Each structure stands twice: as structure tokens, then as C-alpha cells.
Amino acid sequence: MWLYEDKVIEKIEDFPEDTYGFVYMTTHIPTGISYIGKKALLHNVKKKLTKAELAEQTGPGRKATTKVVQKESDWKTYYGSAKPILEMLKEGKKDEFKREILHLAKNKKLLTYYECKYLFKYSVLEYPLEYFNDNVLGKFFSKDFK
């Protein structure tokens, strides 16, 4: 279950129509340690064309063999990519987490911007005992603050 402005978000239709993705905070309730990340609602998947679709192609030049299709991401079951979170989920501790949506974004660029904004706002790299995050954009690392 995701919470956004004290409302439960369960299906993609619960988001405003122009939502590309969201910035979230996953908190491990027993320890209070959080993780801030971003998640897109949809992603592109390459799909092979069917025989009928291949036969429809006319004209000169090379014929396409695949098409790009948008598919809903795994946002409903996603908790974050931090190794400690993934390990706890493997141990069946899904109920020990609270998932909150901090900000909705209309496109990919804004999604990355707002993720960075929240990572810096909460100084996640400076407080390794409070956040699972250990880097921002693969450029700034918590180890640099030691």
C-alpha cells in the first residue's frame, strides 16, 4: 500500500492523469531507517511483431521486427533498491515497512530532479544511520562524508 497526502494509492487510476512517476520514502518501522527513491509508473518494452504485423509492412527499406509497447511497472510491489531493504523483503518482513509518496512528477527529467531535491533536502548522505541511501546520482557518496 502506498500513501500520498494521507490517501491510499492502490491502482494506476488513483494518480492524476498526467503522472509519469513519483518520488517516495520507504521507512523500516522498527528501526526508523528510511530510503528515498523514484519510480516510474510505466516503462517501455520491446515486443516482437506477429506474423500478421510483419505481413502488413510495405514499402522500401528494412522491415521492423519489433515494436515498443508501454507496460505498467512494478510500482505496486516496489519498496526500493537498497540492499538492506531487499534482504528484509526476502526474509518476509514486508509488513515492517511504510511506503509514502512524497512528490508526483509529469516526466522523466522532473522525476530525477525531485528525487535529487528530496535526497539533498533530507541530507541522506550525511545521516547513514537514518537513511539506507548511500549515493546520489552515482556521483555523491555517503563514504565521502566519513
C-alpha atoms as a PDB file:
ATOM      1  CA  MET A   1       0.000   0.000   0.000  1.00  0.00           C
ATOM      2  CA  TRP A   2       1.246   3.462  -0.928  1.00  0.00           C
ATOM      3  CA  LEU A   3       0.192   6.627   0.914  1.00  0.00           C
ATOM      4  CA  TYR A   4       0.012  10.007  -0.805  1.00  0.00           C
ATOM      5  CA  GLU A   5      -1.282  13.024   1.129  1.00  0.00           C
ATOM      6  CA  ASP A   6      -2.960  10.635   3.621  1.00  0.00           C
ATOM      7  CA  LYS A   7      -4.790   8.794   0.813  1.00  0.00           C
ATOM      8  CA  VAL A   8      -4.201   5.164  -0.108  1.00  0.00           C
ATOM      9  CA  ILE A   9      -2.988   4.618  -3.672  1.00  0.00           C
ATOM     10  CA  GLU A  10      -3.710   1.101  -4.938  1.00  0.00           C
ATOM     11  CA  LYS A  11      -4.132   1.342  -8.702  1.00  0.00           C
ATOM     12  CA  ILE A  12      -2.696   3.451 -11.507  1.00  0.00           C
ATOM     13  CA  GLU A  13      -6.060   5.198 -11.940  1.00  0.00           C
ATOM     14  CA  ASP A  14      -5.658   6.680  -8.435  1.00  0.00           C
ATOM     15  CA  PHE A  15      -2.930   9.006  -9.798  1.00  0.00           C
ATOM     16  CA  PRO A  16      -3.668  12.242 -11.663  1.00  0.00           C
ATOM     17  CA  GLU A  17      -3.844  11.582 -15.412  1.00  0.00           C
ATOM     18  CA  ASP A  18      -0.538  13.273 -16.330  1.00  0.00           C
ATOM     19  CA  THR A  19       1.616  11.444 -13.729  1.00  0.00           C
ATOM     20  CA  TYR A  20       4.816   9.907 -15.105  1.00  0.00           C
ATOM     21  CA  GLY A  21       6.177   8.705 -11.774  1.00  0.00           C
ATOM     22  CA  PHE A  22       6.769   9.583  -8.139  1.00  0.00           C
ATOM     23  CA  VAL A  23       9.413  10.196  -5.506  1.00  0.00           C
ATOM     24  CA  TYR A  24       8.882   8.013  -2.455  1.00  0.00           C
ATOM     25  CA  MET A  25      10.120   7.299   1.043  1.00  0.00           C
ATOM     26  CA  THR A  26      10.164   3.731   2.326  1.00  0.00           C
ATOM     27  CA  THR A  27      10.632   3.523   6.096  1.00  0.00           C
ATOM     28  CA  HIS A  28      11.537   0.419   8.087  1.00  0.00           C
ATOM     29  CA  ILE A  29       9.206   0.962  11.054  1.00  0.00           C
ATOM     30  CA  PRO A  30      11.157  -0.976  13.758  1.00  0.00           C
ATOM     31  CA  THR A  31      14.417   0.919  13.120  1.00  0.00           C
ATOM     32  CA  GLY A  32      13.097   4.186  11.667  1.00  0.00           C
ATOM     33  CA  ILE A  33      15.633   3.969   8.821  1.00  0.00           C
ATOM     34  CA  SER A  34      14.290   5.314   5.513  1.00  0.00           C
ATOM     35  CA  TYR A  35      15.083   5.136   1.822  1.00  0.00           C
ATOM     36  CA  ILE A  36      14.223   7.836  -0.709  1.00  0.00           C
ATOM     37  CA  GLY A  37      13.904   6.924  -4.371  1.00  0.00           C
ATOM     38  CA  LYS A  38      11.916   7.396  -7.540  1.00  0.00           C
ATOM     39  CA  LYS A  39       9.631   5.111  -9.519  1.00  0.00           C
ATOM     40  CA  ALA A  40       8.102   5.469 -12.984  1.00  0.00           C
ATOM     41  CA  LEU A  41       4.557   4.147 -13.418  1.00  0.00           C
ATOM     42  CA  LEU A  42       5.142   2.860 -16.953  1.00  0.00           C
ATOM     43  CA  HIS A  43       8.135   1.584 -18.870  1.00  0.00           C
ATOM     44  CA  ASN A  44       8.834   0.645 -22.476  1.00  0.00           C
ATOM     45  CA  VAL A  45       9.138  -2.996 -23.506  1.00  0.00           C
ATOM     46  CA  LYS A  46      10.348  -4.271 -26.895  1.00  0.00           C
ATOM     47  CA  LYS A  47       7.896  -6.783 -28.296  1.00  0.00           C
ATOM     48  CA  LYS A  48       8.328  -8.959 -31.390  1.00  0.00           C
ATOM     49  CA  LEU A  49       5.869  -8.293 -34.182  1.00  0.00           C
ATOM     50  CA  THR A  50       3.386 -11.036 -35.015  1.00  0.00           C
ATOM     51  CA  LYS A  51       3.371 -12.685 -38.451  1.00  0.00           C
ATOM     52  CA  ALA A  52       0.309 -10.623 -39.366  1.00  0.00           C
ATOM     53  CA  GLU A  53       2.009  -7.377 -38.311  1.00  0.00           C
ATOM     54  CA  LEU A  54       5.120  -8.305 -40.290  1.00  0.00           C
ATOM     55  CA  ALA A  55       2.986  -9.050 -43.368  1.00  0.00           C
ATOM     56  CA  GLU A  56       1.301  -5.611 -43.125  1.00  0.00           C
ATOM     57  CA  GLN A  57       4.605  -3.819 -43.658  1.00  0.00           C
ATOM     58  CA  THR A  58       5.047  -2.400 -47.134  1.00  0.00           C
ATOM     59  CA  GLY A  59       7.451  -0.060 -48.818  1.00  0.00           C
ATOM     60  CA  PRO A  60      11.169   0.050 -49.428  1.00  0.00           C
ATOM     61  CA  GLY A  61      13.849  -0.433 -46.817  1.00  0.00           C
ATOM     62  CA  ARG A  62      14.396  -2.717 -43.914  1.00  0.00           C
ATOM     63  CA  LYS A  63      11.312  -4.070 -42.169  1.00  0.00           C
ATOM     64  CA  ALA A  64      10.869  -3.657 -38.420  1.00  0.00           C
ATOM     65  CA  THR A  65      10.776  -6.879 -36.403  1.00  0.00           C
ATOM     66  CA  THR A  66       9.878  -5.326 -33.048  1.00  0.00           C
ATOM     67  CA  LYS A  67       7.696  -2.588 -31.638  1.00  0.00           C
ATOM     68  CA  VAL A  68       7.912  -0.632 -28.402  1.00  0.00           C
ATOM     69  CA  VAL A  69       4.953  -1.083 -26.059  1.00  0.00           C
ATOM     70  CA  GLN A  70       4.298   0.753 -22.792  1.00  0.00           C
ATOM     71  CA  LYS A  71       3.678  -1.524 -19.834  1.00  0.00           C
ATOM     72  CA  GLU A  72       2.814  -0.769 -16.213  1.00  0.00           C
ATOM     73  CA  SER A  73       5.894  -1.024 -13.972  1.00  0.00           C
ATOM     74  CA  ASP A  74       6.096  -2.990 -10.732  1.00  0.00           C
ATOM     75  CA  TRP A  75       5.347   0.152  -8.686  1.00  0.00           C
ATOM     76  CA  LYS A  76       2.640  -1.585  -6.613  1.00  0.00           C
ATOM     77  CA  THR A  77       5.088  -4.116  -5.145  1.00  0.00           C
ATOM     78  CA  TYR A  78       8.202  -1.909  -5.148  1.00  0.00           C
ATOM     79  CA  TYR A  79       9.958  -0.954  -1.903  1.00  0.00           C
ATOM     80  CA  GLY A  80      13.315   0.335  -3.151  1.00  0.00           C
ATOM     81  CA  SER A  81      16.634  -0.908  -4.454  1.00  0.00           C
ATOM     82  CA  ALA A  82      18.730  -0.643  -1.268  1.00  0.00           C
ATOM     83  CA  LYS A  83      20.331  -3.998  -0.403  1.00  0.00           C
ATOM     84  CA  PRO A  84      19.188  -3.969   3.259  1.00  0.00           C
ATOM     85  CA  ILE A  85      15.580  -3.458   2.130  1.00  0.00           C
ATOM     86  CA  LEU A  86      15.815  -6.260  -0.440  1.00  0.00           C
ATOM     87  CA  GLU A  87      17.270  -8.603   2.195  1.00  0.00           C
ATOM     88  CA  MET A  88      14.460  -7.826   4.660  1.00  0.00           C
ATOM     89  CA  LEU A  89      11.856  -8.417   1.944  1.00  0.00           C
ATOM     90  CA  LYS A  90      13.431 -11.826   1.183  1.00  0.00           C
ATOM     91  CA  GLU A  91      13.031 -12.638   4.887  1.00  0.00           C
ATOM     92  CA  GLY A  92       9.305 -11.866   4.578  1.00  0.00           C
ATOM     93  CA  LYS A  93       9.348  -8.593   6.508  1.00  0.00           C
ATOM     94  CA  LYS A  94       7.118  -6.688   4.063  1.00  0.00           C
ATOM     95  CA  ASP A  95       4.779  -5.665   6.908  1.00  0.00           C
ATOM     96  CA  GLU A  96       7.611  -3.804   8.666  1.00  0.00           C
ATOM     97  CA  PHE A  97       7.659  -1.051   6.010  1.00  0.00           C
ATOM     98  CA  LYS A  98       5.692   2.129   5.454  1.00  0.00           C
ATOM     99  CA  ARG A  99       5.648   3.480   1.867  1.00  0.00           C
ATOM    100  CA  GLU A 100       4.864   7.154   1.267  1.00  0.00           C
ATOM    101  CA  ILE A 101       4.741   9.108  -1.973  1.00  0.00           C
ATOM    102  CA  LEU A 102       6.471  12.453  -1.468  1.00  0.00           C
ATOM    103  CA  HIS A 103       6.017  14.032  -4.890  1.00  0.00           C
ATOM    104  CA  LEU A 104       4.386  13.273  -8.252  1.00  0.00           C
ATOM    105  CA  ALA A 105       6.243  14.107 -11.471  1.00  0.00           C
ATOM    106  CA  LYS A 106       4.949  14.698 -15.001  1.00  0.00           C
ATOM    107  CA  ASN A 107       8.041  13.497 -16.904  1.00  0.00           C
ATOM    108  CA  LYS A 108      11.333  11.640 -16.555  1.00  0.00           C
ATOM    109  CA  LYS A 109      13.524  14.727 -16.164  1.00  0.00           C
ATOM    110  CA  LEU A 110      11.363  16.221 -13.406  1.00  0.00           C
ATOM    111  CA  LEU A 111      11.249  12.832 -11.666  1.00  0.00           C
ATOM    112  CA  THR A 112      15.048  12.806 -11.410  1.00  0.00           C
ATOM    113  CA  TYR A 113      15.094  16.471 -10.338  1.00  0.00           C
ATOM    114  CA  TYR A 114      12.598  15.926  -7.499  1.00  0.00           C
ATOM    115  CA  GLU A 115      14.352  12.771  -6.349  1.00  0.00           C
ATOM    116  CA  CYS A 116      17.608  14.744  -6.034  1.00  0.00           C
ATOM    117  CA  LYS A 117      15.776  17.607  -4.328  1.00  0.00           C
ATOM    118  CA  TYR A 118      14.436  15.288  -1.604  1.00  0.00           C
ATOM    119  CA  LEU A 119      17.734  13.414  -1.223  1.00  0.00           C
ATOM    120  CA  PHE A 120      19.522  16.709  -0.571  1.00  0.00           C
ATOM    121  CA  LYS A 121      16.666  18.184   1.480  1.00  0.00           C
ATOM    122  CA  TYR A 122      16.868  15.269   3.916  1.00  0.00           C
ATOM    123  CA  SER A 123      20.715  15.164   3.740  1.00  0.00           C
ATOM    124  CA  VAL A 124      20.549  11.393   3.279  1.00  0.00           C
ATOM    125  CA  LEU A 125      24.292  11.001   2.714  1.00  0.00           C
ATOM    126  CA  GLU A 126      25.187  12.852   5.902  1.00  0.00           C
ATOM    127  CA  TYR A 127      22.999  10.619   8.095  1.00  0.00           C
ATOM    128  CA  PRO A 128      23.846   6.992   7.244  1.00  0.00           C
ATOM    129  CA  LEU A 129      22.189   5.777  10.460  1.00  0.00           C
ATOM    130  CA  GLU A 130      18.880   7.322   9.373  1.00  0.00           C
ATOM    131  CA  TYR A 131      18.861   6.514   5.617  1.00  0.00           C
ATOM    132  CA  PHE A 132      19.655   3.458   3.526  1.00  0.00           C
ATOM    133  CA  ASN A 133      20.688   5.705   0.610  1.00  0.00           C
ATOM    134  CA  ASP A 134      24.427   5.607   0.012  1.00  0.00           C
ATOM    135  CA  ASN A 135      24.713   7.752  -3.128  1.00  0.00           C
ATOM    136  CA  VAL A 136      23.031  10.441  -5.183  1.00  0.00           C
ATOM    137  CA  LEU A 137      23.160  10.019  -8.986  1.00  0.00           C
ATOM    138  CA  GLY A 138      26.199   7.785  -8.618  1.00  0.00           C
ATOM    139  CA  LYS A 139      28.259  10.961  -8.105  1.00  0.00           C
ATOM    140  CA  PHE A 140      27.916  11.763  -4.410  1.00  0.00           C
ATOM    141  CA  PHE A 141      28.518   9.028  -1.840  1.00  0.00           C
ATOM    142  CA  SER A 142      27.943   8.678   1.905  1.00  0.00           C
ATOM    143  CA  LYS A 143      31.514   7.365   2.287  1.00  0.00           C
ATOM    144  CA  ASP A 144      32.760  10.832   1.221  1.00  0.00           C
ATOM    145  CA  PHE A 145      31.405  12.261   4.494  1.00  0.00           C
ATOM    146  CA  LYS A 146      33.411   9.917   6.738  1.00  0.00           C
END
